Structure formats: C-alpha cells, structure tokens
Amino acid sequence: MKITPMSKWFWIVFSGIGIAAALIGEEKITRHPDHGEPLAQRWEWAMQTAGQKTDFWIGYSIQRLMGEDSHIGSFHYPPREGEMLLQEVIYGSETPPGQPQLSEEEELRRAAERALAEAKKLKVPDKKVLKEVAILFRVHPGASAASILREVAISNLDLAVDLDNLPLYWLGGAENGQSLALLQNLFEKESSARDRDELVAAVGLHGNPAGVIPVLQQMLEEKNGREIREDAVFWLGEQDHPQALEILLKTVRDESSEEISEEAVFAVSRMELPEATTALVELARQSSRPGIREEALFWLGQKASREATAALDEIAYGDEEELQERAVFALSELPGGAGIPRLIAIAKTHHNPAIRKKAIFWLSQSEDERAVDAIIEIAGGR
C-alpha cells in the first residue's frame, strides 16, 4: 500500500501542531501605504522599493476558514519565550488591526475548555473561524528572471516565523482572486521545482473553490513534474467540491502514471462529499486496475459510513481472495469499531477458512468487548 507523503498532511495543522520551528529577530518591516491598491501593483511597489542586491521578503495575507484551534505554520504553539508573533512584527501588536483582542479571562476560559475536552477524550467539532494566513516570498534579486524566489512560507499571523533577519515588505490583506492571479503568474515564471511546489500549496489553501479549482486543474494537466502534479491532485481533494471530484475521477481513469492515479484516489478519500464515498465504492468494486482497487479499499477502511461498511462486506464475500483479505483488513480499520459486527460474521460464516482466520486475527487486535466475546465463543470457551 502506497502511503501519501506525509509532507502534504502537515500543510494543514490541527490542535496547535505544525511544520517548522521559528525564531524572529529584528527584521526591518516596510508596510505598503495603501492596502486598497491592486495586489499586483503592491507587488511591483515592493520589488522597486527594495532596490537592493541582498535577499528580502514580500508578504501579504488572505483570510481562510479554519478550526478555531488549528494553525498553519510554526511548530511551537503557543510560541516559546522570546519568540515574536508575525502579527507583532508587522503591526507591533498581538492582534492585527480590525480584529478583536481576546481578554486574558477569555483566553483562560478557552484553554480550560480544551483541557477538559482532552481529559474526557471528547470529540468536540472544532469551531470554524476566519483566520489571517500570511503568504511570504523570499526574493533573491540576483537570480535569473526565471527564478527570483528562494523560498515560499505560509503561516498564520499568530505564530512566529523565521525571516532570517531580512527585510519584509508587507502588502497587507488580499482578496482571493487577486492572490490567485499573482500566484499563478509567479508559478508560470518560476523555474525552481521546489518553489513551484510551494506555490501549488499556496493556491490550494485559498477558500475559494470556484477560483482555485481551474488553477489546480491547469497545474495538473500541463507538463509539470510528477511531484507538482501530485500536489495539485492533493489540493483538489481539499476543495471538497463536486467539480474537483469530477476532475479527480477523470484522473483516476485516464492518467498513465500509477502514482498520480493512486494519489487521486487518496484525494477522493479526503473529501466529505457523500458522492466521494460512492465513488470510492465504485472504484473498489469495478476498477480494472488492481492498484486502484487496493487503494480504494484501503481508504474505504477509513470512512465511517454505512455505504463503506456494506461495500467492504460485499467485497469480503467476493471472488478474489486477495481482495477479500484486503476488505477484511479495511473492515478492521473502520472508525469507532463500525466493522466489528461484520468481522464477527465473517469469522463465523465465511466459506473460505483462510478468510475466517484473517477475520479472527483482526478481531484479536481489537480491544472491543464484542470482538473478545466472539473469539471466546469461536474458540469454544463458552
């Protein structure tokens, strides 16, 4: 089973865990005087104002709907002693202009609620709120016109970011359409594979499927490297939109690269659309490519739904023993022990003794009392 590279999982960070340690020194901040100007003009202002041969940063922010306790960026949340938040560096305040600052009492109340939920192992849905996300570009003016970027960084403003003591030209907030146009323009001009890869992620983070999907589709369909195309596929899945699902299923059907096709199956599995689960079921049942069927089976095992359970149960009684075994494993992986009743039935009634043994084995790995009771019964213990 191919596991998608973990780097993709870390762009979106839950419960205050992130991807890179961060320290901030005494960087020089120059803010654009008019944040109402088009973003492209503000970018040109930064390039002209910098007027230097050493590296510098250009940055702006977009708004993204995120979990209240989720973050993108710094590994340490809250920041360690001595670290400055990005919004402190830019605005000289712990709260960006126009955003309410929480009182110490409110901060303590929220911290207590999180601690209580953790202590009780409560699965409380993370409340969605709009957060400012900075997109930062380290510009290398001495490089060729085809590669002016040395690094692209993405971070919430309430985290610390390592700017290597270089100047930052801050452009303010940007609306999604202008940001996507700028990122697409940079992507088309940039020759560095690493920076192009980071620009794909920056595009995917925008909360605007109507604008994001066509850009990602173009990145997928053009003659880009495999890693860039895989990332475009991943971020299409994160859009959780019917149009993105259609593109992903077409990729599964038509793509010659096995890696990209399997990445598309994974992206489908990440979607919460009911149609996405139906699509996984159909791929597991009907795909003519064994790798795709295996991939779909594996990810169905991560879906807690009646449709997924029923499909896995049907495949477990199918014609191909290898797929039967994979379906049994996938049933054991269903969240919340949803597959336990079906595993018990397979262990007791399946026509193939080898499959019954597999079901018994996976039951034995479960701490579910139903599984323990079933194993005792099968063993003749009562």
Protein backbone atom coordinates (compact mmCIF):
# COMPACT_ATOMS: atom_id res chain seq x y z
CA MET A 1 0.00 0.00 0.00
CA LYS A 2 1.40 3.36 -1.04
CA ILE A 3 1.09 5.95 1.69
CA THR A 4 0.85 9.53 0.54
CA PRO A 5 3.93 11.59 1.53
CA MET A 6 3.40 12.99 4.99
CA SER A 7 4.62 16.43 3.94
CA LYS A 8 1.21 17.04 2.42
CA TRP A 9 -0.53 16.34 5.71
CA PHE A 10 1.46 18.99 7.51
CA TRP A 11 0.35 21.99 5.48
CA ILE A 12 -2.86 21.99 7.45
CA VAL A 13 -2.09 21.71 11.15
CA PHE A 14 -4.52 20.65 13.86
CA SER A 15 -4.53 21.25 17.60
CA GLY A 16 -1.56 23.59 17.50
CA ILE A 17 0.99 21.26 15.89
CA GLY A 18 2.83 22.46 12.80
CA ILE A 19 5.78 22.02 10.45
CA ALA A 20 8.78 24.23 11.17
CA ALA A 21 10.44 25.79 14.20
CA ALA A 22 10.56 29.59 14.08
CA LEU A 23 12.57 32.44 15.57
CA ILE A 24 12.26 36.11 14.77
CA GLY A 25 14.97 38.69 15.07
CA GLU A 26 14.95 42.44 14.49
CA GLU A 27 13.79 42.46 10.87
CA LYS A 28 13.07 45.73 9.11
CA ILE A 29 9.38 46.00 8.19
CA THR A 30 8.18 48.31 5.42
CA ARG A 31 4.40 48.44 5.00
CA HIS A 32 2.66 49.42 1.79
CA PRO A 33 0.92 52.80 2.26
CA ASP A 34 -2.33 51.83 0.53
CA HIS A 35 -3.68 48.30 1.00
CA GLY A 36 -6.59 49.19 -1.28
CA GLU A 37 -4.40 49.12 -4.38
CA PRO A 38 -4.50 46.01 -6.61
CA LEU A 39 -2.19 43.32 -5.27
CA ALA A 40 -0.14 43.21 -8.49
CA GLN A 41 0.65 46.92 -8.11
CA ARG A 42 1.60 46.45 -4.48
CA TRP A 43 3.94 43.63 -5.52
CA GLU A 44 5.65 45.89 -8.07
CA TRP A 45 5.97 48.57 -5.39
CA ALA A 46 7.80 46.10 -3.14
CA MET A 47 10.14 44.99 -5.93
CA GLN A 48 11.01 48.59 -6.80
CA THR A 49 11.21 49.86 -3.23
CA ALA A 50 13.56 47.07 -2.13
CA GLY A 51 16.19 48.27 -4.62
CA GLN A 52 18.91 46.06 -3.15
CA LYS A 53 21.11 43.13 -4.06
CA THR A 54 20.52 41.10 -0.90
CA ASP A 55 17.53 38.84 -0.25
CA PHE A 56 14.31 40.28 1.12
CA TRP A 57 10.77 39.12 1.85
CA ILE A 58 7.46 40.19 0.33
CA GLY A 59 4.33 39.14 2.16
CA TYR A 60 0.58 39.56 2.25
CA SER A 61 -2.32 37.80 3.93
CA ILE A 62 -5.52 36.07 2.89
CA GLN A 63 -8.44 35.00 5.04
CA ARG A 64 -9.10 31.30 5.45
CA LEU A 65 -11.89 29.50 7.27
CA MET A 66 -10.13 27.24 9.78
CA GLY A 67 -10.72 25.41 13.02
CA GLU A 68 -10.56 27.76 15.98
CA ASP A 69 -7.68 25.76 17.49
CA SER A 70 -5.91 24.92 14.22
CA HIS A 71 -2.85 26.60 12.76
CA ILE A 72 -0.71 26.67 9.66
CA GLY A 73 2.97 27.33 10.15
CA SER A 74 5.13 27.35 13.28
CA PHE A 75 5.92 24.14 15.13
CA HIS A 76 5.51 25.80 18.50
CA TYR A 77 2.08 26.91 19.63
CA PRO A 78 1.90 28.88 21.74
CA PRO A 79 5.28 30.38 20.75
CA ARG A 80 8.22 29.83 23.06
CA GLU A 81 9.53 32.53 25.34
CA GLY A 82 11.37 35.19 23.35
CA GLU A 83 9.61 34.47 20.07
CA MET A 84 7.57 37.21 18.43
CA LEU A 85 4.35 36.54 16.57
CA LEU A 86 4.30 37.52 12.92
CA GLN A 87 1.50 39.99 13.62
CA GLU A 88 3.63 41.60 16.34
CA VAL A 89 6.47 42.01 13.86
CA ILE A 90 4.19 43.52 11.22
CA TYR A 91 1.76 45.57 13.31
CA GLY A 92 3.53 45.94 16.65
CA SER A 93 0.57 44.25 18.30
CA GLU A 94 -0.52 40.73 19.20
CA THR A 95 -3.75 41.38 17.27
CA PRO A 96 -3.92 42.55 13.63
CA PRO A 97 -5.85 45.79 13.01
CA GLY A 98 -9.60 45.25 12.82
CA GLN A 99 -9.57 42.00 14.79
CA PRO A 100 -10.81 41.83 18.39
CA GLN A 101 -8.24 41.01 21.03
CA LEU A 102 -9.31 38.34 23.49
CA SER A 103 -9.18 39.20 27.14
CA GLU A 104 -6.94 37.18 29.43
CA GLU A 105 -10.09 35.75 31.02
CA GLU A 106 -11.41 34.59 27.63
CA GLU A 107 -8.07 33.03 26.73
CA LEU A 108 -8.07 31.13 30.04
CA ARG A 109 -11.67 30.03 29.54
CA ARG A 110 -10.91 28.62 26.09
CA ALA A 111 -7.77 26.90 27.36
CA ALA A 112 -9.80 25.29 30.19
CA GLU A 113 -12.45 24.09 27.73
CA ARG A 114 -9.79 22.48 25.53
CA ALA A 115 -8.13 20.82 28.52
CA LEU A 116 -11.47 19.49 29.78
CA ALA A 117 -12.37 18.07 26.36
CA GLU A 118 -8.94 16.42 26.13
CA ALA A 119 -9.23 14.96 29.63
CA LYS A 120 -12.61 13.46 28.78
CA LYS A 121 -11.45 12.43 25.29
CA LEU A 122 -14.38 14.33 23.85
CA LYS A 123 -14.53 14.61 20.08
CA VAL A 124 -15.84 18.16 20.00
CA PRO A 125 -16.00 19.61 16.48
CA ASP A 126 -13.53 22.47 16.10
CA LYS A 127 -15.46 25.68 15.59
CA LYS A 128 -14.67 27.27 12.22
CA VAL A 129 -13.47 30.87 12.20
CA LEU A 130 -11.83 33.18 9.67
CA LYS A 131 -8.09 33.48 10.27
CA GLU A 132 -5.39 35.55 8.63
CA VAL A 133 -2.85 33.44 6.76
CA ALA A 134 0.36 35.08 5.55
CA ILE A 135 1.96 34.05 2.27
CA LEU A 136 5.62 35.07 2.35
CA PHE A 137 8.07 35.10 -0.55
CA ARG A 138 11.82 35.27 -0.06
CA VAL A 139 13.06 37.11 -3.14
CA HIS A 140 16.58 36.68 -4.47
CA PRO A 141 17.19 39.73 -6.69
CA GLY A 142 20.48 38.45 -8.06
CA ALA A 143 18.89 35.31 -9.52
CA SER A 144 17.77 34.86 -13.11
CA ALA A 145 14.41 36.25 -14.20
CA ALA A 146 13.15 32.67 -14.36
CA SER A 147 13.76 32.04 -10.67
CA ILE A 148 13.54 35.05 -8.36
CA LEU A 149 12.13 33.11 -5.41
CA ARG A 150 14.36 31.41 -2.88
CA GLU A 151 11.57 30.30 -0.53
CA VAL A 152 7.82 30.45 -0.05
CA ALA A 153 6.48 30.29 3.53
CA ILE A 154 2.90 30.08 4.79
CA SER A 155 1.86 30.90 8.34
CA ASN A 156 -0.95 32.20 10.49
CA LEU A 157 -0.21 35.68 11.78
CA ASP A 158 -0.50 34.50 15.39
CA LEU A 159 2.61 32.30 15.00
CA ALA A 160 6.32 33.04 14.85
CA VAL A 161 8.16 32.88 11.52
CA ASP A 162 11.89 32.79 10.85
CA LEU A 163 12.72 35.62 8.43
CA ASP A 164 16.49 35.25 8.86
CA ASN A 165 16.76 38.90 9.92
CA LEU A 166 15.93 40.01 6.37
CA PRO A 167 13.70 42.97 5.45
CA LEU A 168 9.99 42.34 4.96
CA TYR A 169 7.84 44.38 2.59
CA TRP A 170 4.29 43.88 3.82
CA LEU A 171 1.47 44.36 1.29
CA GLY A 172 -1.47 43.92 3.67
CA GLY A 173 -4.53 41.79 3.02
CA ALA A 174 -5.52 40.47 -0.40
CA GLU A 175 -8.78 39.15 -1.78
CA ASN A 176 -8.72 35.63 -3.19
CA GLY A 177 -8.98 36.44 -6.88
CA GLN A 178 -6.03 38.83 -6.88
CA SER A 179 -3.95 36.47 -4.76
CA LEU A 180 -4.63 33.52 -7.07
CA ALA A 181 -3.74 35.60 -10.14
CA LEU A 182 -0.42 36.63 -8.56
CA LEU A 183 0.42 33.07 -7.50
CA GLN A 184 -0.41 31.69 -10.95
CA ASN A 185 1.78 34.34 -12.56
CA LEU A 186 4.68 33.51 -10.24
CA PHE A 187 4.19 29.78 -10.87
CA GLU A 188 4.36 30.24 -14.65
CA LYS A 189 7.56 32.29 -14.41
CA GLU A 190 9.34 30.26 -11.72
CA SER A 191 11.76 27.53 -12.79
CA SER A 192 12.66 26.16 -9.34
CA ALA A 193 10.75 22.91 -8.81
CA ARG A 194 10.74 23.36 -5.02
CA ASP A 195 9.29 26.86 -5.16
CA ARG A 196 6.72 25.86 -7.78
CA ASP A 197 5.67 23.04 -5.46
CA GLU A 198 5.18 25.52 -2.60
CA LEU A 199 3.17 27.81 -4.88
CA VAL A 200 0.77 24.91 -5.59
CA ALA A 201 0.15 24.57 -1.86
CA ALA A 202 -0.36 28.34 -1.53
CA VAL A 203 -3.02 28.16 -4.26
CA GLY A 204 -4.73 25.19 -2.61
CA LEU A 205 -5.06 26.96 0.73
CA HIS A 206 -7.44 29.59 -0.65
CA GLY A 207 -11.03 29.08 0.45
CA ASN A 208 -12.50 29.78 -2.97
CA PRO A 209 -13.19 26.56 -4.94
CA ALA A 210 -14.56 28.42 -7.97
CA GLY A 211 -11.24 30.25 -8.33
CA VAL A 212 -8.89 27.56 -7.04
CA ILE A 213 -10.09 24.52 -9.00
CA PRO A 214 -9.34 25.87 -12.52
CA VAL A 215 -5.83 26.90 -11.43
CA LEU A 216 -5.10 23.49 -9.88
CA GLN A 217 -6.59 21.72 -12.89
CA GLN A 218 -4.24 23.64 -15.18
CA MET A 219 -1.27 22.75 -12.96
CA LEU A 220 -2.32 19.09 -13.10
CA GLU A 221 -2.92 18.90 -16.84
CA GLU A 222 0.12 20.83 -18.04
CA LYS A 223 3.56 19.26 -18.49
CA ASN A 224 4.72 19.77 -14.92
CA GLY A 225 6.85 17.39 -12.87
CA ARG A 226 5.24 14.45 -11.08
CA GLU A 227 5.53 15.98 -7.60
CA ILE A 228 3.83 19.19 -8.69
CA ARG A 229 1.03 17.25 -10.38
CA GLU A 230 0.60 15.07 -7.30
CA ASP A 231 0.32 18.17 -5.12
CA ALA A 232 -2.25 19.65 -7.49
CA VAL A 233 -4.25 16.43 -7.09
CA PHE A 234 -3.96 16.58 -3.30
CA TRP A 235 -5.22 20.15 -3.11
CA LEU A 236 -8.08 19.41 -5.50
CA GLY A 237 -9.26 16.90 -2.91
CA GLU A 238 -9.04 19.55 -0.20
CA GLN A 239 -11.56 21.71 -2.11
CA ASP A 240 -14.28 19.14 -1.30
CA HIS A 241 -16.29 20.27 -4.32
CA PRO A 242 -18.21 18.26 -6.98
CA GLN A 243 -16.16 19.85 -9.79
CA ALA A 244 -12.93 18.79 -8.09
CA LEU A 245 -14.30 15.26 -7.59
CA GLU A 246 -15.08 15.02 -11.30
CA ILE A 247 -11.51 16.04 -12.20
CA LEU A 248 -10.05 13.53 -9.74
CA LEU A 249 -12.13 10.65 -11.06
CA LYS A 250 -11.11 11.53 -14.62
CA THR A 251 -7.50 11.47 -13.42
CA VAL A 252 -8.00 8.01 -11.91
CA ARG A 253 -9.45 6.74 -15.19
CA ASP A 254 -7.14 8.39 -17.72
CA GLU A 255 -3.80 9.09 -16.01
CA SER A 256 -0.93 6.92 -17.22
CA SER A 257 1.12 7.46 -14.05
CA GLU A 258 0.17 4.90 -11.40
CA GLU A 259 1.47 7.20 -8.65
CA ILE A 260 -0.71 10.12 -9.71
CA SER A 261 -3.77 7.88 -10.18
CA GLU A 262 -3.37 6.47 -6.67
CA GLU A 263 -2.83 9.98 -5.32
CA ALA A 264 -6.16 10.92 -6.90
CA VAL A 265 -7.86 8.02 -5.06
CA PHE A 266 -6.38 9.30 -1.79
CA ALA A 267 -7.60 12.83 -2.58
CA VAL A 268 -11.11 11.48 -3.17
CA SER A 269 -10.95 9.72 0.21
CA ARG A 270 -10.21 13.06 1.91
CA MET A 271 -13.45 14.58 0.65
CA GLU A 272 -16.50 14.74 2.87
CA LEU A 273 -18.95 14.79 -0.05
CA PRO A 274 -21.31 11.78 0.03
CA GLU A 275 -20.58 11.36 -3.68
CA ALA A 276 -16.90 10.84 -2.82
CA THR A 277 -17.67 7.75 -0.72
CA THR A 278 -19.88 6.41 -3.51
CA ALA A 279 -17.02 6.97 -5.95
CA LEU A 280 -14.59 5.06 -3.70
CA VAL A 281 -17.04 2.17 -3.52
CA GLU A 282 -17.31 2.04 -7.30
CA LEU A 283 -13.52 2.14 -7.70
CA ALA A 284 -13.10 -0.69 -5.18
CA ARG A 285 -15.71 -2.81 -6.95
CA GLN A 286 -15.16 -2.07 -10.61
CA SER A 287 -11.75 -0.59 -11.42
CA SER A 288 -9.82 -2.73 -13.89
CA ARG A 289 -6.52 -1.70 -12.27
CA PRO A 290 -5.59 -3.78 -9.19
CA GLY A 291 -3.60 -0.92 -7.62
CA ILE A 292 -6.58 1.40 -7.79
CA ARG A 293 -8.92 -1.19 -6.30
CA GLU A 294 -6.48 -1.82 -3.45
CA GLU A 295 -6.07 1.90 -2.81
CA ALA A 296 -9.83 2.46 -2.78
CA LEU A 297 -10.32 -0.48 -0.41
CA PHE A 298 -7.71 0.86 1.99
CA TRP A 299 -9.24 4.33 2.15
CA LEU A 300 -12.77 2.95 2.44
CA GLY A 301 -11.48 1.46 5.67
CA GLN A 302 -11.00 4.98 6.98
CA LYS A 303 -14.58 6.03 6.17
CA ALA A 304 -17.20 5.68 8.91
CA SER A 305 -20.33 5.25 6.80
CA ARG A 306 -22.95 2.58 6.17
CA GLU A 307 -22.13 2.65 2.46
CA ALA A 308 -18.44 1.97 3.08
CA THR A 309 -19.21 -0.86 5.52
CA ALA A 310 -21.70 -2.50 3.17
CA ALA A 311 -19.30 -2.30 0.23
CA LEU A 312 -16.41 -3.81 2.20
CA ASP A 313 -18.65 -6.61 3.44
CA GLU A 314 -19.73 -7.38 -0.13
CA ILE A 315 -16.13 -7.47 -1.38
CA ALA A 316 -15.12 -9.69 1.55
CA TYR A 317 -17.51 -12.31 0.12
CA GLY A 318 -16.41 -11.73 -3.47
CA ASP A 319 -14.44 -13.88 -5.88
CA GLU A 320 -10.83 -12.75 -5.45
CA GLU A 321 -9.16 -13.99 -2.28
CA GLU A 322 -6.58 -11.18 -2.19
CA LEU A 323 -9.31 -8.55 -2.35
CA GLN A 324 -11.29 -10.48 0.29
CA GLU A 325 -8.30 -10.24 2.63
CA ARG A 326 -7.91 -6.53 1.96
CA ALA A 327 -11.61 -5.95 2.59
CA VAL A 328 -11.36 -7.80 5.92
CA PHE A 329 -8.44 -5.60 6.92
CA ALA A 330 -10.33 -2.48 5.83
CA LEU A 331 -13.31 -3.54 7.97
CA SER A 332 -10.96 -3.74 10.95
CA GLU A 333 -9.86 -0.16 10.23
CA LEU A 334 -13.32 1.39 10.20
CA PRO A 335 -13.53 4.17 12.84
CA GLY A 336 -15.36 3.52 16.09
CA GLY A 337 -15.38 -0.26 15.67
CA ALA A 338 -18.02 0.03 12.94
CA GLY A 339 -16.66 -3.06 11.19
CA ILE A 340 -16.63 -5.36 14.24
CA PRO A 341 -20.10 -6.92 13.66
CA ARG A 342 -19.20 -7.74 10.06
CA LEU A 343 -15.82 -9.17 11.07
CA ILE A 344 -17.56 -11.41 13.62
CA ALA A 345 -19.97 -12.65 10.95
CA ILE A 346 -17.09 -13.33 8.54
CA ALA A 347 -15.13 -15.14 11.25
CA LYS A 348 -18.12 -17.41 11.90
CA THR A 349 -19.64 -17.94 8.46
CA HIS A 350 -17.26 -17.22 5.58
CA HIS A 351 -16.92 -20.14 3.16
CA ASN A 352 -13.13 -19.73 2.96
CA PRO A 353 -11.29 -20.87 6.15
CA ALA A 354 -8.33 -18.61 5.28
CA ILE A 355 -10.59 -15.55 5.28
CA ARG A 356 -12.20 -16.66 8.55
CA LYS A 357 -8.69 -16.84 10.08
CA LYS A 358 -7.92 -13.34 8.83
CA ALA A 359 -11.11 -12.02 10.41
CA ILE A 360 -10.28 -13.76 13.71
CA PHE A 361 -6.79 -12.28 13.62
CA TRP A 362 -8.06 -8.72 13.16
CA LEU A 363 -10.69 -9.26 15.85
CA SER A 364 -7.88 -10.32 18.18
CA GLN A 365 -6.14 -6.99 17.55
CA SER A 366 -9.19 -5.09 18.71
CA GLU A 367 -9.91 -4.12 22.32
CA ASP A 368 -13.63 -4.10 21.57
CA GLU A 369 -15.53 -6.31 24.03
CA ARG A 370 -17.67 -7.67 21.18
CA ALA A 371 -14.54 -8.94 19.47
CA VAL A 372 -13.25 -10.60 22.64
CA ASP A 373 -16.59 -12.30 23.27
CA ALA A 374 -16.74 -13.54 19.67
CA ILE A 375 -13.25 -15.02 19.81
CA ILE A 376 -14.06 -16.81 23.08
CA GLU A 377 -17.24 -18.19 21.52
CA ILE A 378 -15.44 -19.35 18.36
CA ALA A 379 -12.75 -20.98 20.46
CA GLY A 380 -15.42 -22.92 22.32
CA GLY A 381 -14.82 -21.15 25.58
CA ARG A 382 -18.49 -20.84 26.29
